[in-house]
PDB file of N, CA and C in Angstrom:
ATOM      1  N   MET A   1      -8.431   3.534  40.325  1.00  0.00           N
ATOM      2  CA  MET A   1      -7.233   3.004  39.733  1.00  0.00           C
ATOM      3  C   MET A   1      -6.992   3.687  38.392  1.00  0.00           C
ATOM      4  N   PRO A   2      -5.816   4.272  38.208  1.00  0.00           N
ATOM      5  CA  PRO A   2      -5.539   4.954  36.940  1.00  0.00           C
ATOM      6  C   PRO A   2      -5.291   3.995  35.795  1.00  0.00           C
ATOM      7  N   ASN A   3      -5.721   4.453  34.623  1.00  0.00           N
ATOM      8  CA  ASN A   3      -5.469   3.734  33.366  1.00  0.00           C
ATOM      9  C   ASN A   3      -4.249   4.347  32.703  1.00  0.00           C
ATOM     10  N   PHE A   4      -3.943   3.884  31.475  1.00  0.00           N
ATOM     11  CA  PHE A   4      -2.796   4.402  30.731  1.00  0.00           C
ATOM     12  C   PHE A   4      -3.261   5.072  29.452  1.00  0.00           C
ATOM     13  N   LYS A   5      -2.658   6.227  29.167  1.00  0.00           N
ATOM     14  CA  LYS A   5      -2.920   6.939  27.914  1.00  0.00           C
ATOM     15  C   LYS A   5      -1.638   6.846  27.059  1.00  0.00           C
ATOM     16  N   PHE A   6      -1.766   6.113  25.958  1.00  0.00           N
ATOM     17  CA  PHE A   6      -0.655   5.895  25.016  1.00  0.00           C
ATOM     18  C   PHE A   6      -0.840   6.891  23.859  1.00  0.00           C
ATOM     19  N   SER A   7       0.084   7.851  23.730  1.00  0.00           N
ATOM     20  CA  SER A   7       0.002   8.886  22.695  1.00  0.00           C
ATOM     21  C   SER A   7       1.034   8.618  21.637  1.00  0.00           C
ATOM     22  N   TYR A   8       0.628   8.796  20.386  1.00  0.00           N
ATOM     23  CA  TYR A   8       1.510   8.525  19.255  1.00  0.00           C
ATOM     24  C   TYR A   8       1.115   9.432  18.082  1.00  0.00           C
ATOM     25  N   ARG A   9       1.961   9.441  17.036  1.00  0.00           N
ATOM     26  CA  ARG A   9       1.650  10.245  15.864  1.00  0.00           C
ATOM     27  C   ARG A   9       2.277   9.654  14.614  1.00  0.00           C
ATOM     28  N   TYR A  10       1.757  10.130  13.491  1.00  0.00           N
ATOM     29  CA  TYR A  10       2.380   9.878  12.211  1.00  0.00           C
ATOM     30  C   TYR A  10       2.867  11.218  11.675  1.00  0.00           C
ATOM     31  N   ARG A  11       4.107  11.280  11.234  1.00  0.00           N
ATOM     32  CA  ARG A  11       4.686  12.460  10.633  1.00  0.00           C
ATOM     33  C   ARG A  11       5.121  12.089   9.200  1.00  0.00           C
ATOM     34  N   ASP A  12       4.504  12.750   8.226  1.00  0.00           N
ATOM     35  CA  ASP A  12       4.861  12.353   6.855  1.00  0.00           C
ATOM     36  C   ASP A  12       6.143  13.057   6.403  1.00  0.00           C
ATOM     37  N   GLY A  13       6.540  12.772   5.174  1.00  0.00           N
ATOM     38  CA  GLY A  13       7.811  13.303   4.651  1.00  0.00           C
ATOM     39  C   GLY A  13       7.863  14.811   4.566  1.00  0.00           C
ATOM     40  N   ALA A  14       6.695  15.482   4.535  1.00  0.00           N
ATOM     41  CA  ALA A  14       6.651  16.937   4.510  1.00  0.00           C
ATOM     42  C   ALA A  14       6.470  17.525   5.901  1.00  0.00           C
ATOM     43  N   ASN A  15       6.542  16.679   6.917  1.00  0.00           N
ATOM     44  CA  ASN A  15       6.428  17.051   8.334  1.00  0.00           C
ATOM     45  C   ASN A  15       5.009  17.412   8.779  1.00  0.00           C
ATOM     46  N   TYR A  16       4.005  17.010   8.020  1.00  0.00           N
ATOM     47  CA  TYR A  16       2.630  17.124   8.492  1.00  0.00           C
ATOM     48  C   TYR A  16       2.388  15.988   9.481  1.00  0.00           C
ATOM     49  N   LYS A  17       1.584  16.299  10.512  1.00  0.00           N
ATOM     50  CA  LYS A  17       1.427  15.307  11.593  1.00  0.00           C
ATOM     51  C   LYS A  17      -0.045  15.000  11.852  1.00  0.00           C
ATOM     52  N   ASN A  18      -0.291  13.750  12.181  1.00  0.00           N
ATOM     53  CA  ASN A  18      -1.570  13.296  12.739  1.00  0.00           C
ATOM     54  C   ASN A  18      -1.262  12.730  14.113  1.00  0.00           C
ATOM     55  N   HIS A  19      -1.981  13.173  15.113  1.00  0.00           N
ATOM     56  CA  HIS A  19      -1.779  12.717  16.486  1.00  0.00           C
ATOM     57  C   HIS A  19      -3.001  11.912  16.949  1.00  0.00           C
ATOM     58  N   SER A  20      -2.756  10.959  17.799  1.00  0.00           N
ATOM     59  CA  SER A  20      -3.846  10.195  18.419  1.00  0.00           C
ATOM     60  C   SER A  20      -3.379   9.596  19.732  1.00  0.00           C
ATOM     61  N   PHE A  21      -4.340   8.966  20.397  1.00  0.00           N
ATOM     62  CA  PHE A  21      -4.009   8.256  21.629  1.00  0.00           C
ATOM     63  C   PHE A  21      -4.991   7.117  21.828  1.00  0.00           C
ATOM     64  N   ILE A  22      -4.600   6.186  22.666  1.00  0.00           N
ATOM     65  CA  ILE A  22      -5.437   5.057  23.065  1.00  0.00           C
ATOM     66  C   ILE A  22      -5.401   5.002  24.602  1.00  0.00           C
ATOM     67  N   ILE A  23      -6.565   4.777  25.209  1.00  0.00           N
ATOM     68  CA  ILE A  23      -6.633   4.595  26.634  1.00  0.00           C
ATOM     69  C   ILE A  23      -6.728   3.081  26.912  1.00  0.00           C
ATOM     70  N   PHE A  24      -5.808   2.603  27.734  1.00  0.00           N
ATOM     71  CA  PHE A  24      -5.776   1.191  28.101  1.00  0.00           C
ATOM     72  C   PHE A  24      -6.199   1.057  29.571  1.00  0.00           C
ATOM     73  N   ASN A  25      -7.054   0.073  29.838  1.00  0.00           N
ATOM     74  CA  ASN A  25      -7.430  -0.287  31.201  1.00  0.00           C
ATOM     75  C   ASN A  25      -6.222  -0.839  31.943  1.00  0.00           C
ATOM     76  N   ASN A  26      -6.225  -0.658  33.242  1.00  0.00           N
ATOM     77  CA  ASN A  26      -5.133  -1.137  34.081  1.00  0.00           C
ATOM     78  C   ASN A  26      -5.696  -1.910  35.281  1.00  0.00           C
ATOM     79  N   PRO A  27      -6.371  -3.032  35.041  1.00  0.00           N
ATOM     80  CA  PRO A  27      -7.051  -3.742  36.139  1.00  0.00           C
ATOM     81  C   PRO A  27      -6.119  -4.308  37.193  1.00  0.00           C
ATOM     82  N   ASN A  28      -4.857  -4.558  36.832  1.00  0.00           N
ATOM     83  CA  ASN A  28      -3.915  -5.148  37.807  1.00  0.00           C
ATOM     84  C   ASN A  28      -2.922  -4.131  38.367  1.00  0.00           C
ATOM     85  N   CYS A  29      -3.253  -2.846  38.155  1.00  0.00           N
ATOM     86  CA  CYS A  29      -2.466  -1.751  38.752  1.00  0.00           C
ATOM     87  C   CYS A  29      -0.968  -1.823  38.416  1.00  0.00           C
ATOM     88  N   LEU A  30      -0.682  -1.993  37.125  1.00  0.00           N
ATOM     89  CA  LEU A  30       0.718  -1.967  36.692  1.00  0.00           C
ATOM     90  C   LEU A  30       1.322  -0.591  36.955  1.00  0.00           C
ATOM     91  N   ILE A  31       2.617  -0.567  37.117  1.00  0.00           N
ATOM     92  CA  ILE A  31       3.342   0.666  37.384  1.00  0.00           C
ATOM     93  C   ILE A  31       3.777   1.318  36.088  1.00  0.00           C
ATOM     94  N   LEU A  32       3.589   2.627  36.000  1.00  0.00           N
ATOM     95  CA  LEU A  32       3.914   3.377  34.778  1.00  0.00           C
ATOM     96  C   LEU A  32       5.329   3.106  34.297  1.00  0.00           C
ATOM     97  N   LYS A  33       6.280   3.143  35.184  1.00  0.00           N
ATOM     98  CA  LYS A  33       7.705   2.949  34.843  1.00  0.00           C
ATOM     99  C   LYS A  33       7.907   1.592  34.142  1.00  0.00           C
ATOM    100  N   ASP A  34       7.249   0.560  34.631  1.00  0.00           N
ATOM    101  CA  ASP A  34       7.377  -0.782  34.038  1.00  0.00           C
ATOM    102  C   ASP A  34       6.757  -0.868  32.658  1.00  0.00           C
ATOM    103  N   VAL A  35       5.576  -0.247  32.502  1.00  0.00           N
ATOM    104  CA  VAL A  35       4.925  -0.242  31.206  1.00  0.00           C
ATOM    105  C   VAL A  35       5.746   0.542  30.196  1.00  0.00           C
ATOM    106  N   GLU A  36       6.241   1.690  30.615  1.00  0.00           N
ATOM    107  CA  GLU A  36       7.086   2.499  29.722  1.00  0.00           C
ATOM    108  C   GLU A  36       8.343   1.733  29.308  1.00  0.00           C
ATOM    109  N   PHE A  37       8.943   1.007  30.206  1.00  0.00           N
ATOM    110  CA  PHE A  37      10.119   0.204  29.895  1.00  0.00           C
ATOM    111  C   PHE A  37       9.780  -0.854  28.855  1.00  0.00           C
ATOM    112  N   SER A  38       8.659  -1.554  29.047  1.00  0.00           N
ATOM    113  CA  SER A  38       8.249  -2.581  28.085  1.00  0.00           C
ATOM    114  C   SER A  38       8.021  -2.008  26.687  1.00  0.00           C
ATOM    115  N   ILE A  39       7.453  -0.831  26.615  1.00  0.00           N
ATOM    116  CA  ILE A  39       7.223  -0.181  25.321  1.00  0.00           C
ATOM    117  C   ILE A  39       8.544   0.188  24.693  1.00  0.00           C
ATOM    118  N   HIS A  40       9.407   0.812  25.429  1.00  0.00           N
ATOM    119  CA  HIS A  40      10.702   1.259  24.896  1.00  0.00           C
ATOM    120  C   HIS A  40      11.558   0.090  24.419  1.00  0.00           C
ATOM    121  N   GLN A  41      11.415  -1.065  25.027  1.00  0.00           N
ATOM    122  CA  GLN A  41      12.156  -2.268  24.627  1.00  0.00           C
ATOM    123  C   GLN A  41      11.793  -2.692  23.173  1.00  0.00           C
ATOM    124  N   LYS A  42      10.580  -2.362  22.707  1.00  0.00           N
ATOM    125  CA  LYS A  42      10.114  -2.794  21.405  1.00  0.00           C
ATOM    126  C   LYS A  42      10.119  -1.699  20.347  1.00  0.00           C
ATOM    127  N   LEU A  43      10.494  -0.499  20.687  1.00  0.00           N
ATOM    128  CA  LEU A  43      10.552   0.597  19.700  1.00  0.00           C
ATOM    129  C   LEU A  43      11.795   0.475  18.828  1.00  0.00           C
ATOM    130  N   ILE A  44      11.690   0.957  17.628  1.00  0.00           N
ATOM    131  CA  ILE A  44      12.817   1.026  16.717  1.00  0.00           C
ATOM    132  C   ILE A  44      13.565   2.340  17.009  1.00  0.00           C
ATOM    133  N   GLU A  45      14.812   2.220  17.380  1.00  0.00           N
ATOM    134  CA  GLU A  45      15.653   3.362  17.732  1.00  0.00           C
ATOM    135  C   GLU A  45      14.960   4.271  18.792  1.00  0.00           C
ATOM    136  N   ASP A  46      14.283   3.629  19.724  1.00  0.00           N
ATOM    137  CA  ASP A  46      13.646   4.283  20.885  1.00  0.00           C
ATOM    138  C   ASP A  46      12.562   5.279  20.475  1.00  0.00           C
ATOM    139  N   THR A  47      12.024   5.201  19.252  1.00  0.00           N
ATOM    140  CA  THR A  47      11.050   6.152  18.795  1.00  0.00           C
ATOM    141  C   THR A  47       9.933   5.546  17.973  1.00  0.00           C
ATOM    142  N   TRP A  48      10.254   4.719  17.013  1.00  0.00           N
ATOM    143  CA  TRP A  48       9.277   4.305  15.980  1.00  0.00           C
ATOM    144  C   TRP A  48       8.742   2.883  16.185  1.00  0.00           C
ATOM    145  N   PHE A  49       7.570   2.682  15.584  1.00  0.00           N
ATOM    146  CA  PHE A  49       6.933   1.370  15.588  1.00  0.00           C
ATOM    147  C   PHE A  49       5.982   1.301  14.400  1.00  0.00           C
ATOM    148  N   TYR A  50       5.546   0.098  14.076  1.00  0.00           N
ATOM    149  CA  TYR A  50       4.569  -0.137  13.020  1.00  0.00           C
ATOM    150  C   TYR A  50       3.201  -0.386  13.638  1.00  0.00           C
ATOM    151  N   VAL A  51       2.225   0.450  13.316  1.00  0.00           N
ATOM    152  CA  VAL A  51       0.902   0.312  13.922  1.00  0.00           C
ATOM    153  C   VAL A  51       0.252  -1.047  13.633  1.00  0.00           C
ATOM    154  N   ASP A  52       0.497  -1.584  12.451  1.00  0.00           N
ATOM    155  CA  ASP A  52      -0.126  -2.869  12.130  1.00  0.00           C
ATOM    156  C   ASP A  52       0.398  -3.983  13.015  1.00  0.00           C
ATOM    157  N   LYS A  53       1.668  -3.922  13.417  1.00  0.00           N
ATOM    158  CA  LYS A  53       2.229  -4.923  14.291  1.00  0.00           C
ATOM    159  C   LYS A  53       1.753  -4.742  15.755  1.00  0.00           C
ATOM    160  N   TRP A  54       1.400  -3.509  16.098  1.00  0.00           N
ATOM    161  CA  TRP A  54       0.957  -3.213  17.467  1.00  0.00           C
ATOM    162  C   TRP A  54      -0.562  -3.112  17.568  1.00  0.00           C
ATOM    163  N   ASN A  55      -1.266  -3.391  16.477  1.00  0.00           N
ATOM    164  CA  ASN A  55      -2.743  -3.355  16.450  1.00  0.00           C
ATOM    165  C   ASN A  55      -3.332  -2.029  16.929  1.00  0.00           C
ATOM    166  N   LEU A  56      -2.751  -0.938  16.414  1.00  0.00           N
ATOM    167  CA  LEU A  56      -3.230   0.405  16.729  1.00  0.00           C
ATOM    168  C   LEU A  56      -3.776   1.018  15.450  1.00  0.00           C
ATOM    169  N   PRO A  57      -4.693   1.986  15.560  1.00  0.00           N
ATOM    170  CA  PRO A  57      -5.204   2.673  14.381  1.00  0.00           C
ATOM    171  C   PRO A  57      -4.109   3.373  13.594  1.00  0.00           C
ATOM    172  N   ASP A  58      -4.179   3.257  12.281  1.00  0.00           N
ATOM    173  CA  ASP A  58      -3.216   3.861  11.361  1.00  0.00           C
ATOM    174  C   ASP A  58      -3.526   5.348  11.214  1.00  0.00           C
ATOM    175  N   LEU A  59      -2.504   6.179  11.318  1.00  0.00           N
ATOM    176  CA  LEU A  59      -2.682   7.621  11.216  1.00  0.00           C
ATOM    177  C   LEU A  59      -2.150   8.209   9.906  1.00  0.00           C
ATOM    178  N   HIS A  60      -1.807   7.378   8.945  1.00  0.00           N
ATOM    179  CA  HIS A  60      -1.298   7.853   7.654  1.00  0.00           C
ATOM    180  C   HIS A  60      -2.313   8.771   6.992  1.00  0.00           C
ATOM    181  N   PHE A  61      -1.808   9.739   6.225  1.00  0.00           N
ATOM    182  CA  PHE A  61      -2.645  10.628   5.444  1.00  0.00           C
ATOM    183  C   PHE A  61      -3.125   9.888   4.185  1.00  0.00           C
ATOM    184  N   ASP A  62      -4.180  10.346   3.603  1.00  0.00           N
ATOM    185  CA  ASP A  62      -4.706   9.728   2.355  1.00  0.00           C
ATOM    186  C   ASP A  62      -3.790   9.903   1.177  1.00  0.00           C
ATOM    187  N   ASN A  63      -3.090  11.043   1.119  1.00  0.00           N
ATOM    188  CA  ASN A  63      -2.161  11.291   0.001  1.00  0.00           C
ATOM    189  C   ASN A  63      -0.808  10.708   0.377  1.00  0.00           C
ATOM    190  N   TRP A  64      -0.296   9.810  -0.470  1.00  0.00           N
ATOM    191  CA  TRP A  64       0.967   9.115  -0.200  1.00  0.00           C
ATOM    192  C   TRP A  64       2.001   9.500  -1.273  1.00  0.00           C
ATOM    193  N   ASP A  65       3.177   9.854  -0.842  1.00  0.00           N
ATOM    194  CA  ASP A  65       4.278  10.155  -1.767  1.00  0.00           C
ATOM    195  C   ASP A  65       5.377   9.130  -1.537  1.00  0.00           C
ATOM    196  N   ASN A  66       5.541   8.203  -2.462  1.00  0.00           N
ATOM    197  CA  ASN A  66       6.512   7.120  -2.330  1.00  0.00           C
ATOM    198  C   ASN A  66       7.947   7.611  -2.157  1.00  0.00           C
ATOM    199  N   GLU A  67       8.216   8.825  -2.595  1.00  0.00           N
ATOM    200  CA  GLU A  67       9.606   9.351  -2.491  1.00  0.00           C
ATOM    201  C   GLU A  67       9.955   9.849  -1.118  1.00  0.00           C
ATOM    202  N   ILE A  68       8.986  10.307  -0.337  1.00  0.00           N
ATOM    203  CA  ILE A  68       9.333  10.916   0.961  1.00  0.00           C
ATOM    204  C   ILE A  68       8.579  10.339   2.155  1.00  0.00           C
ATOM    205  N   ASP A  69       7.436   9.684   1.949  1.00  0.00           N
ATOM    206  CA  ASP A  69       6.678   9.167   3.068  1.00  0.00           C
ATOM    207  C   ASP A  69       7.190   7.807   3.506  1.00  0.00           C
ATOM    208  N   HIS A  70       6.859   7.395   4.706  1.00  0.00           N
ATOM    209  CA  HIS A  70       7.354   6.146   5.262  1.00  0.00           C
ATOM    210  C   HIS A  70       6.177   5.445   5.994  1.00  0.00           C
ATOM    211  N   THR A  71       6.428   4.254   6.490  1.00  0.00           N
ATOM    212  CA  THR A  71       5.359   3.435   7.054  1.00  0.00           C
ATOM    213  C   THR A  71       5.304   3.423   8.599  1.00  0.00           C
ATOM    214  N   TRP A  72       6.302   3.940   9.283  1.00  0.00           N
ATOM    215  CA  TRP A  72       6.294   3.828  10.735  1.00  0.00           C
ATOM    216  C   TRP A  72       5.593   5.026  11.396  1.00  0.00           C
ATOM    217  N   HIS A  73       5.260   4.845  12.664  1.00  0.00           N
ATOM    218  CA  HIS A  73       4.654   5.882  13.488  1.00  0.00           C
ATOM    219  C   HIS A  73       5.614   6.164  14.650  1.00  0.00           C
ATOM    220  N   GLU A  74       5.392   7.297  15.313  1.00  0.00           N
ATOM    221  CA  GLU A  74       6.255   7.722  16.416  1.00  0.00           C
ATOM    222  C   GLU A  74       5.538   7.582  17.757  1.00  0.00           C
ATOM    223  N   PHE A  75       6.216   6.994  18.712  1.00  0.00           N
ATOM    224  CA  PHE A  75       5.732   6.953  20.081  1.00  0.00           C
ATOM    225  C   PHE A  75       5.962   8.339  20.686  1.00  0.00           C
ATOM    226  N   GLU A  76       4.949   8.893  21.334  1.00  0.00           N
ATOM    227  CA  GLU A  76       5.118  10.190  22.017  1.00  0.00           C
ATOM    228  C   GLU A  76       5.254  10.020  23.505  1.00  0.00           C
ATOM    229  N   SER A  77       4.253   9.297  24.133  1.00  0.00           N
ATOM    230  CA  SER A  77       4.311   9.168  25.580  1.00  0.00           C
ATOM    231  C   SER A  77       3.317   8.115  26.067  1.00  0.00           C
ATOM    232  N   ILE A  78       3.562   7.713  27.279  1.00  0.00           N
ATOM    233  CA  ILE A  78       2.575   6.889  28.014  1.00  0.00           C
ATOM    234  C   ILE A  78       2.438   7.570  29.372  1.00  0.00           C
ATOM    235  N   ALA A  79       1.183   7.763  29.793  1.00  0.00           N
ATOM    236  CA  ALA A  79       0.931   8.495  31.041  1.00  0.00           C
ATOM    237  C   ALA A  79      -0.269   7.891  31.757  1.00  0.00           C
ATOM    238  N   LEU A  80      -0.371   8.182  33.013  1.00  0.00           N
ATOM    239  CA  LEU A  80      -1.509   7.758  33.794  1.00  0.00           C
ATOM    240  C   LEU A  80      -2.671   8.702  33.506  1.00  0.00           C
ATOM    241  N   THR A  81      -3.903   8.149  33.540  1.00  0.00           N
ATOM    242  CA  THR A  81      -5.105   8.937  33.301  1.00  0.00           C
ATOM    243  C   THR A  81      -6.273   8.360  34.041  1.00  0.00           C
ATOM    244  N   ASP A  82      -7.262   9.177  34.315  1.00  0.00           N
ATOM    245  CA  ASP A  82      -8.508   8.713  34.903  1.00  0.00           C
ATOM    246  C   ASP A  82      -9.568   8.447  33.842  1.00  0.00           C
ATOM    247  N   GLU A  83      -9.191   8.654  32.566  1.00  0.00           N
ATOM    248  CA  GLU A  83     -10.137   8.402  31.473  1.00  0.00           C
ATOM    249  C   GLU A  83     -10.428   6.879  31.367  1.00  0.00           C
ATOM    250  N   ALA A  84     -11.650   6.579  30.957  1.00  0.00           N
ATOM    251  CA  ALA A  84     -12.043   5.184  30.788  1.00  0.00           C
ATOM    252  C   ALA A  84     -11.336   4.567  29.568  1.00  0.00           C
ATOM    253  N   GLY A  85     -10.953   3.314  29.715  1.00  0.00           N
ATOM    254  CA  GLY A  85     -10.232   2.635  28.661  1.00  0.00           C
ATOM    255  C   GLY A  85     -11.014   1.513  28.025  1.00  0.00           C
ATOM    256  N   GLY A  86     -10.355   0.838  27.100  1.00  0.00           N
ATOM    257  CA  GLY A  86     -10.972  -0.295  26.406  1.00  0.00           C
ATOM    258  C   GLY A  86     -10.169  -1.530  26.655  1.00  0.00           C
ATOM    259  N   GLN A  87      -9.149  -1.757  25.828  1.00  0.00           N
ATOM    260  CA  GLN A  87      -8.274  -2.926  25.935  1.00  0.00           C
ATOM    261  C   GLN A  87      -7.396  -2.839  27.181  1.00  0.00           C
ATOM    262  N   ASP A  88      -7.085  -3.985  27.780  1.00  0.00           N
ATOM    263  CA  ASP A  88      -6.190  -3.994  28.932  1.00  0.00           C
ATOM    264  C   ASP A  88      -4.756  -3.736  28.539  1.00  0.00           C
ATOM    265  N   ILE A  89      -4.034  -3.014  29.327  1.00  0.00           N
ATOM    266  CA  ILE A  89      -2.610  -2.706  29.044  1.00  0.00           C
ATOM    267  C   ILE A  89      -1.788  -3.974  28.990  1.00  0.00           C
ATOM    268  N   GLU A  90      -2.122  -4.978  29.772  1.00  0.00           N
ATOM    269  CA  GLU A  90      -1.343  -6.233  29.767  1.00  0.00           C
ATOM    270  C   GLU A  90      -1.490  -6.976  28.436  1.00  0.00           C
ATOM    271  N   ASP A  91      -2.671  -6.901  27.830  1.00  0.00           N
ATOM    272  CA  ASP A  91      -2.879  -7.515  26.524  1.00  0.00           C
ATOM    273  C   ASP A  91      -2.038  -6.765  25.498  1.00  0.00           C
ATOM    274  N   PHE A  92      -1.995  -5.451  25.561  1.00  0.00           N
ATOM    275  CA  PHE A  92      -1.217  -4.647  24.632  1.00  0.00           C
ATOM    276  C   PHE A  92       0.285  -4.960  24.755  1.00  0.00           C
ATOM    277  N   ILE A  93       0.780  -5.029  25.986  1.00  0.00           N
ATOM    278  CA  ILE A  93       2.206  -5.311  26.200  1.00  0.00           C
ATOM    279  C   ILE A  93       2.532  -6.709  25.672  1.00  0.00           C
ATOM    280  N   SER A  94       1.654  -7.661  25.909  1.00  0.00           N
ATOM    281  CA  SER A  94       1.844  -9.021  25.393  1.00  0.00           C
ATOM    282  C   SER A  94       1.915  -9.011  23.862  1.00  0.00           C
ATOM    283  N   ALA A  95       1.019  -8.273  23.242  1.00  0.00           N
ATOM    284  CA  ALA A  95       0.966  -8.240  21.773  1.00  0.00           C
ATOM    285  C   ALA A  95       2.236  -7.618  21.170  1.00  0.00           C
ATOM    286  N   ILE A  96       2.748  -6.543  21.778  1.00  0.00           N
ATOM    287  CA  ILE A  96       3.923  -5.924  21.172  1.00  0.00           C
ATOM    288  C   ILE A  96       5.189  -6.722  21.426  1.00  0.00           C
ATOM    289  N   LYS A  97       5.167  -7.573  22.425  1.00  0.00           N
ATOM    290  CA  LYS A  97       6.370  -8.384  22.689  1.00  0.00           C
ATOM    291  C   LYS A  97       6.498  -9.526  21.707  1.00  0.00           C
ATOM    292  N   ASN A  98       5.420  -9.871  21.034  1.00  0.00           N
ATOM    293  CA  ASN A  98       5.419 -11.032  20.073  1.00  0.00           C
ATOM    294  C   ASN A  98       5.697 -10.576  18.676  1.00  0.00           C
TER     295      ASN A  98
END
């Protein structure tokens, strides 16, 4: 049964980027299209989200410039993977809906 790979990044005001991903277990065999739809429903302008509200690791750089940096992260993709996961995707979808 494939799991889900959620890829995201932080892009600072100078366009430097930190990329990361989280592997979610998929014990109930959810469909990629449905998971992607649920994620897109909660994104800001179909791209951004706040990692603290989604309980994901923060990718901000150590050096912060109040004039150009921002607090949101960018959703890159969600894909099927055979990699082992941790948290269940259904728990993640529930958390972002609240």
